[in-house]
Structures are given as C-alpha cells and as structure tokens.
Amino acid sequence: MNYITLLLPDFLLILSGYLLCRFTALNERIWAPVESLVYFLLFPALLFTSIVKSRIELGSILFLSCGLGVTLCAVGCSVFVLPRMPLVREYVLPRSHAGGAQIAYRFNSFIALSLSERLGGSQGLFLMAMLIAVCVPIVNVFAVWPMAKQSDRQFFAELRQNPLIVTTVLALCFNFSGLEIPKLIEPTLTRLGASSIVLGLMAAGAGLKWQHLSRDKVLSVSLLSIRHILSPILCILLLHFVSFSSTEAQILVTFSALPTASSCYVLASRMGYNGPYVAGLVTLSVLLGMLSIPLALSAV
C-alpha cells in the first residue's frame, strides 16, 4: 500500500487551510472562530457519536492497553523525565516546558479518524475511536496539569472546562450503560461530526506558524523526537511480543506516529502560555507526521 498517497488528502486539506489563510481574504480573523467552533462543538459531536457507537469489549482490552501504554510512556518521558535529564534540563525553561510538553503525547484526532477509515474501513474507524475514547481524557489531564501547576490555576476547574474531557466522559457513560443516541437527533450529530474533520484539518493549516521556532531548540527537538521517533519505535517493539490482526497492528502504529493535536496551541494560549511557540511545534509535527506515519506503517 502506498502510504504517502493515503496521507495526501489530509495534508492537502491542511495545505489548503494554510494557503487560504495567508493569501486570501479568509485570514486569521475568519479561522479563529472556525477553530473554536470545531473545538467546542463539531469535534465533540464526532467524538461522542464515535464512542457511543463503539461497543468496548473485553477482547479489546489488550489492544487498548498497548495504545495506552505507548501514550503513557510518552507522557512520562516528556512531563517527568525531560526536565530532569542530564545535559538537557539546563535548556528546559519551566514555562516553555509546561506549555509545550503536551506536544509529545497529544495526537491529531482528525487525521486519526480519517486515516483509520481508509486503512481498515469500519473496523479501523471503530478501533481508532476506542483508542481516542481511552486516551483523550488522560492526555488532556496531563496537558492541563503542568500549566495549571506552573501558573497556580485551579486544576479541576480547568478540566471541567475542557470540552474533549467532558464529551468523552459523557460518551463513555452512555457506552457502558447501554444507552443509544435517539434516532431523531442522530443524523444531526453525525453531520456535525463529519464536518469537523474537514474544517479541523483546514483550521490546523490556517494555524501553522513558523516565526517562533527559533527559540527553545533543545526542548523542541526533544518533544518532537518523543512524538515522532520514540513512540512509533516503542509501538513497533510491542508488536513483536503481542499478536494482533493486520488491521489492529496498522491502527496502533498509525496512532503512535500521528502528528500532535492542533488544539495544543489553543489550550496553551487560553491558559496564558506562549501559544505562537506551541503553534510552531504543531507546524513541525504536522510535517514530520507525513514522514513518521508511512515509515512506521512500512516497518510493520
């Protein structure tokens, strides 16, 4: 399978958002509200419907554990190990680290769901939705915690205001209780969710920024290496010890090599940190993802 071709539609959408924002009247004033709409309404609708429709079974526990294990290793390396690592810690400024650490373990769910459907059809979409359901609350908790701690904000208050955490918790409650989305509103939620992928990718492109990448170079390289090198390698090593179907293996590897979440800089800015710097890391991560995902999939 040509994985570059598989990724091309998503990256063309990102590129179109970048070009529209830079060279047309559809500038940042237009895309900032679009990004808020996606983050607070459209993507939560997609997340909710995907999780509620994905019946999590005992047979999936090992699959989910591997995805969660890779994610937690990235969290541990970026949040706890990096600031204490010899030769690196002297270059890691506390506020830059607090705002940027999320780059290493958060993931772009728009690209994840779009790729998973092309890789594995409905089964691939189901598997990726389960990974997102399990990992989104955890990565968001660890994204908020360092920034809340560094700026003396109320940690639990920040969690309550995060739409992805709230949506995931509600969807999991629906899932485990056996409730279903009422037929009357299901088409509306489905259409809202479907629109989030296209608009989310284009908004990510519109938000790409280059001018702040010259600062905190050691921290930047370290975080991006965890996201695009360490996580995929760890996932591939796990697959040598655990037997999965080809679709499960492809989804796990794709998940481990995804670009970071485009909303990283939204969260950093909202909590008073250097949003443009984080946006620069997101920009590089999107570009690196076009290399890391095909390479990781080819290695399986």
Protein backbone atom coordinates (compact mmCIF):
# COMPACT_ATOMS: atom_id res chain seq x y z
CA MET A 1 0.00 0.00 0.00
CA ASN A 2 1.26 3.49 -0.87
CA TYR A 3 1.02 5.24 2.49
CA ILE A 4 2.09 8.61 1.09
CA THR A 5 -0.95 8.55 -1.20
CA LEU A 6 -3.09 7.52 1.76
CA LEU A 7 -1.96 10.60 3.71
CA LEU A 8 -2.15 13.01 0.79
CA PRO A 9 -5.88 14.02 1.07
CA ASP A 10 -5.49 15.07 4.71
CA PHE A 11 -2.31 17.03 4.10
CA LEU A 12 -3.84 18.73 1.05
CA LEU A 13 -6.66 19.93 3.31
CA ILE A 14 -4.08 21.25 5.78
CA LEU A 15 -2.19 22.95 2.93
CA SER A 16 -5.40 24.49 1.57
CA GLY A 17 -6.17 25.97 5.01
CA TYR A 18 -2.66 27.44 5.17
CA LEU A 19 -2.86 28.95 1.67
CA LEU A 20 -6.36 30.35 2.18
CA CYS A 21 -5.32 32.00 5.44
CA ARG A 22 -2.12 33.51 4.06
CA PHE A 23 -3.12 34.57 0.54
CA THR A 24 -6.86 35.28 0.51
CA ALA A 25 -9.38 37.39 2.43
CA LEU A 26 -10.09 34.30 4.56
CA ASN A 27 -7.42 35.32 7.07
CA GLU A 28 -6.86 34.59 10.75
CA ARG A 29 -9.94 36.61 11.76
CA ILE A 30 -12.04 34.03 9.91
CA TRP A 31 -10.22 30.90 11.03
CA ALA A 32 -10.02 31.67 14.76
CA PRO A 33 -13.82 31.38 15.19
CA VAL A 34 -13.85 28.31 12.93
CA GLU A 35 -11.27 26.65 15.15
CA SER A 36 -13.33 27.45 18.26
CA LEU A 37 -16.43 26.02 16.57
CA VAL A 38 -14.60 22.80 15.76
CA TYR A 39 -13.02 22.50 19.21
CA PHE A 40 -16.12 23.25 21.27
CA LEU A 41 -18.94 21.80 19.13
CA LEU A 42 -18.15 19.89 15.94
CA PHE A 43 -15.36 17.64 17.19
CA PRO A 44 -17.13 16.83 20.48
CA ALA A 45 -20.11 15.73 18.35
CA LEU A 46 -17.84 13.42 16.32
CA LEU A 47 -16.16 12.09 19.44
CA PHE A 48 -19.47 11.46 21.18
CA THR A 49 -21.07 9.57 18.29
CA SER A 50 -17.93 7.52 17.60
CA ILE A 51 -17.57 6.43 21.23
CA VAL A 52 -21.25 5.69 21.82
CA LYS A 53 -21.41 3.54 18.68
CA SER A 54 -18.18 1.69 19.58
CA ARG A 55 -19.05 -1.14 21.94
CA ILE A 56 -15.92 -1.68 24.04
CA GLU A 57 -15.48 -5.41 24.68
CA LEU A 58 -13.16 -7.45 26.89
CA GLY A 59 -11.40 -8.78 23.79
CA SER A 60 -10.23 -5.25 23.04
CA ILE A 61 -8.55 -4.71 26.40
CA LEU A 62 -5.09 -5.86 25.21
CA PHE A 63 -5.33 -3.66 22.11
CA LEU A 64 -6.34 -0.64 24.18
CA SER A 65 -3.67 -1.38 26.79
CA CYS A 66 -0.92 -1.26 24.15
CA GLY A 67 -2.13 2.08 22.81
CA LEU A 68 -2.49 3.47 26.30
CA GLY A 69 0.93 2.11 27.31
CA VAL A 70 2.68 3.88 24.43
CA THR A 71 0.84 7.09 25.30
CA LEU A 72 1.75 6.91 28.99
CA CYS A 73 5.42 6.31 28.12
CA ALA A 74 5.38 9.49 26.03
CA VAL A 75 3.72 11.33 28.93
CA GLY A 76 6.35 10.06 31.38
CA CYS A 77 9.26 10.99 29.12
CA SER A 78 8.03 14.49 28.29
CA VAL A 79 6.47 15.57 31.60
CA PHE A 80 8.68 13.88 34.20
CA VAL A 81 11.97 12.66 32.62
CA LEU A 82 12.85 15.50 30.25
CA PRO A 83 13.12 18.28 32.91
CA ARG A 84 15.46 16.05 34.96
CA MET A 85 17.58 14.61 32.14
CA PRO A 86 21.30 15.46 32.32
CA LEU A 87 22.59 17.72 29.53
CA VAL A 88 19.01 18.65 28.62
CA ARG A 89 17.47 20.04 31.80
CA GLU A 90 19.61 23.19 31.76
CA TYR A 91 18.00 24.16 28.44
CA VAL A 92 14.42 23.40 29.54
CA LEU A 93 12.71 26.56 30.79
CA PRO A 94 9.83 25.74 33.17
CA ARG A 95 7.13 27.80 31.41
CA SER A 96 8.16 26.68 27.93
CA HIS A 97 8.13 23.08 29.13
CA ALA A 98 4.76 23.42 30.88
CA GLY A 99 3.11 24.78 27.73
CA GLY A 100 4.93 22.59 25.22
CA ALA A 101 5.14 19.16 26.90
CA GLN A 102 1.70 18.24 25.51
CA ILE A 103 3.21 18.21 22.01
CA ALA A 104 4.90 14.87 22.78
CA TYR A 105 1.81 12.86 23.69
CA ARG A 106 -1.34 14.52 22.38
CA PHE A 107 -2.49 13.48 18.90
CA ASN A 108 -4.49 14.86 16.00
CA SER A 109 -7.81 13.04 16.17
CA PHE A 110 -9.00 14.49 12.84
CA ILE A 111 -6.14 12.81 10.99
CA ALA A 112 -6.50 9.69 13.15
CA LEU A 113 -10.15 9.07 12.27
CA SER A 114 -9.69 9.99 8.61
CA LEU A 115 -6.73 7.63 8.15
CA SER A 116 -8.20 4.78 10.16
CA GLU A 117 -11.25 4.54 7.93
CA ARG A 118 -9.09 4.35 4.80
CA LEU A 119 -6.77 1.80 6.41
CA GLY A 120 -9.32 -0.55 7.93
CA GLY A 121 -12.80 0.57 6.89
CA SER A 122 -15.46 0.49 9.60
CA GLN A 123 -13.35 -1.81 11.78
CA GLY A 124 -10.40 0.57 11.59
CA LEU A 125 -12.65 3.51 12.49
CA PHE A 126 -14.07 1.53 15.43
CA LEU A 127 -10.60 0.64 16.75
CA MET A 128 -9.31 4.21 16.46
CA ALA A 129 -12.45 5.58 18.14
CA MET A 130 -11.81 3.26 21.09
CA LEU A 131 -8.20 4.44 21.39
CA ILE A 132 -9.34 8.05 21.27
CA ALA A 133 -12.02 7.39 23.89
CA VAL A 134 -9.49 5.89 26.30
CA CYS A 135 -6.56 8.24 25.67
CA VAL A 136 -8.18 11.66 25.19
CA PRO A 137 -9.13 12.17 28.86
CA ILE A 138 -5.69 11.05 30.03
CA VAL A 139 -3.64 13.21 27.66
CA ASN A 140 -5.84 16.22 28.35
CA VAL A 141 -5.43 15.78 32.10
CA PHE A 142 -1.64 15.68 31.74
CA ALA A 143 -1.74 18.63 29.31
CA VAL A 144 -3.65 20.81 31.78
CA TRP A 145 -1.79 19.73 34.94
CA PRO A 146 1.73 21.20 34.26
CA MET A 147 0.25 24.51 33.07
CA ALA A 148 -2.16 24.77 36.00
CA LYS A 149 0.65 23.94 38.42
CA GLN A 150 3.08 26.43 36.89
CA SER A 151 0.53 29.28 36.84
CA ASP A 152 -1.29 28.43 40.10
CA ARG A 153 -4.60 27.84 38.31
CA GLN A 154 -7.34 25.57 39.64
CA PHE A 155 -6.58 22.19 38.06
CA PHE A 156 -10.07 20.65 38.38
CA ALA A 157 -11.73 23.84 37.19
CA GLU A 158 -9.63 23.68 34.01
CA LEU A 159 -10.61 20.03 33.50
CA ARG A 160 -14.30 20.85 33.82
CA GLN A 161 -13.94 23.45 31.07
CA ASN A 162 -12.22 21.10 28.61
CA PRO A 163 -14.85 20.02 26.03
CA LEU A 164 -12.97 16.88 24.99
CA ILE A 165 -12.77 15.52 28.54
CA VAL A 166 -16.42 16.34 29.28
CA THR A 167 -17.58 14.79 25.99
CA THR A 168 -15.51 11.63 26.44
CA VAL A 169 -16.78 11.06 29.98
CA LEU A 170 -20.40 11.53 28.88
CA ALA A 171 -19.93 9.23 25.87
CA LEU A 172 -18.32 6.50 27.99
CA CYS A 173 -21.21 6.72 30.44
CA PHE A 174 -23.61 6.23 27.53
CA ASN A 175 -21.50 3.37 26.19
CA PHE A 176 -21.20 1.41 29.44
CA SER A 177 -24.86 1.94 30.38
CA GLY A 178 -26.04 0.60 27.02
CA LEU A 179 -27.84 3.82 26.06
CA GLU A 180 -28.09 4.81 22.42
CA ILE A 181 -28.32 8.15 20.65
CA PRO A 182 -32.02 8.95 19.94
CA LYS A 183 -32.81 8.33 16.27
CA LEU A 184 -34.30 11.80 15.97
CA ILE A 185 -31.03 13.63 16.67
CA GLU A 186 -28.52 11.03 15.44
CA PRO A 187 -28.40 12.36 11.82
CA THR A 188 -27.72 15.89 13.09
CA LEU A 189 -24.90 14.75 15.38
CA THR A 190 -23.43 12.61 12.59
CA ARG A 191 -23.40 15.55 10.17
CA LEU A 192 -21.87 17.86 12.76
CA GLY A 193 -19.16 15.28 13.42
CA ALA A 194 -18.45 14.68 9.74
CA SER A 195 -17.91 18.40 9.15
CA SER A 196 -15.37 18.55 11.97
CA ILE A 197 -12.73 16.53 10.11
CA VAL A 198 -12.57 18.79 7.04
CA LEU A 199 -12.84 22.04 8.97
CA GLY A 200 -10.48 20.79 11.67
CA LEU A 201 -7.75 19.92 9.18
CA MET A 202 -8.15 23.22 7.32
CA ALA A 203 -8.11 25.16 10.60
CA ALA A 204 -4.93 23.31 11.57
CA GLY A 205 -3.36 24.50 8.32
CA ALA A 206 -4.55 28.05 8.89
CA GLY A 207 -2.93 27.99 12.32
CA LEU A 208 0.52 26.90 11.13
CA LYS A 209 3.18 29.36 12.24
CA TRP A 210 6.93 29.43 11.61
CA GLN A 211 8.28 32.57 13.21
CA HIS A 212 8.65 31.27 16.77
CA LEU A 213 10.55 28.05 16.03
CA SER A 214 13.98 29.55 16.71
CA ARG A 215 13.53 29.55 20.50
CA ASP A 216 13.94 26.64 22.94
CA LYS A 217 15.53 24.44 20.27
CA VAL A 218 16.66 21.66 22.63
CA LEU A 219 13.18 21.38 24.16
CA SER A 220 11.56 21.45 20.71
CA VAL A 221 13.76 18.68 19.30
CA SER A 222 13.26 16.57 22.43
CA LEU A 223 9.46 16.84 22.39
CA LEU A 224 9.15 16.17 18.66
CA SER A 225 11.53 13.20 18.94
CA ILE A 226 9.31 11.64 21.59
CA ARG A 227 6.23 12.19 19.42
CA HIS A 228 7.62 11.01 16.08
CA ILE A 229 10.52 8.66 16.89
CA LEU A 230 10.27 7.18 20.36
CA SER A 231 6.52 6.44 20.35
CA PRO A 232 6.46 4.65 16.95
CA ILE A 233 9.58 2.63 17.82
CA LEU A 234 8.08 1.58 21.15
CA CYS A 235 4.84 0.57 19.44
CA ILE A 236 6.67 -1.49 16.79
CA LEU A 237 8.65 -3.25 19.52
CA LEU A 238 5.43 -4.09 21.35
CA LEU A 239 4.03 -5.67 18.19
CA HIS A 240 6.92 -8.16 18.23
CA PHE A 241 5.69 -9.51 21.56
CA VAL A 242 1.91 -9.25 21.16
CA SER A 243 -0.09 -10.83 18.35
CA PHE A 244 -2.66 -8.62 16.63
CA SER A 245 -4.53 -8.75 13.35
CA SER A 246 -3.08 -6.72 10.49
CA THR A 247 -5.77 -4.05 10.88
CA GLU A 248 -5.18 -3.75 14.64
CA ALA A 249 -1.42 -3.50 14.10
CA GLN A 250 -1.83 -0.80 11.45
CA ILE A 251 -4.17 1.24 13.64
CA LEU A 252 -1.84 1.01 16.64
CA VAL A 253 1.19 2.08 14.62
CA THR A 254 -0.73 4.92 12.97
CA PHE A 255 -1.90 6.07 16.39
CA SER A 256 1.66 6.08 17.74
CA ALA A 257 3.04 8.18 14.85
CA LEU A 258 0.26 10.78 14.50
CA PRO A 259 1.04 14.49 14.42
CA THR A 260 0.24 16.27 17.65
CA ALA A 261 -3.16 17.85 18.28
CA SER A 262 -3.75 21.17 16.52
CA SER A 263 -5.59 22.33 19.64
CA CYS A 264 -2.35 22.25 21.67
CA TYR A 265 -1.71 25.91 21.00
CA VAL A 266 -5.36 26.78 21.69
CA LEU A 267 -5.05 25.27 25.16
CA ALA A 268 -1.64 26.88 25.76
CA SER A 269 -2.91 30.31 24.74
CA ARG A 270 -6.10 30.00 26.78
CA MET A 271 -4.07 29.19 29.89
CA GLY A 272 -1.70 32.14 29.41
CA TYR A 273 1.31 30.40 27.85
CA ASN A 274 3.25 31.09 24.65
CA GLY A 275 0.70 29.99 22.05
CA PRO A 276 2.78 31.00 18.99
CA TYR A 277 5.71 28.85 20.18
CA VAL A 278 3.40 25.85 20.65
CA ALA A 279 1.83 26.58 17.25
CA GLY A 280 5.30 26.37 15.71
CA LEU A 281 5.78 22.93 17.26
CA VAL A 282 2.39 21.87 15.90
CA THR A 283 3.51 23.03 12.45
CA LEU A 284 6.66 20.92 12.55
CA SER A 285 4.75 17.95 13.94
CA VAL A 286 2.28 18.04 11.04
CA LEU A 287 5.17 17.99 8.56
CA LEU A 288 7.03 15.25 10.46
CA GLY A 289 3.83 13.19 10.61
CA MET A 290 3.90 12.88 6.83
CA LEU A 291 7.21 11.04 7.27
CA SER A 292 6.68 9.18 10.55
CA ILE A 293 3.33 7.55 9.67
CA PRO A 294 4.42 6.00 6.32
CA LEU A 295 7.76 4.89 7.79
CA ALA A 296 6.11 3.32 10.83
CA LEU A 297 3.45 1.56 8.74
CA SER A 298 6.09 0.26 6.34
CA ALA A 299 8.01 -1.21 9.27
CA VAL A 300 5.06 -3.33 10.47
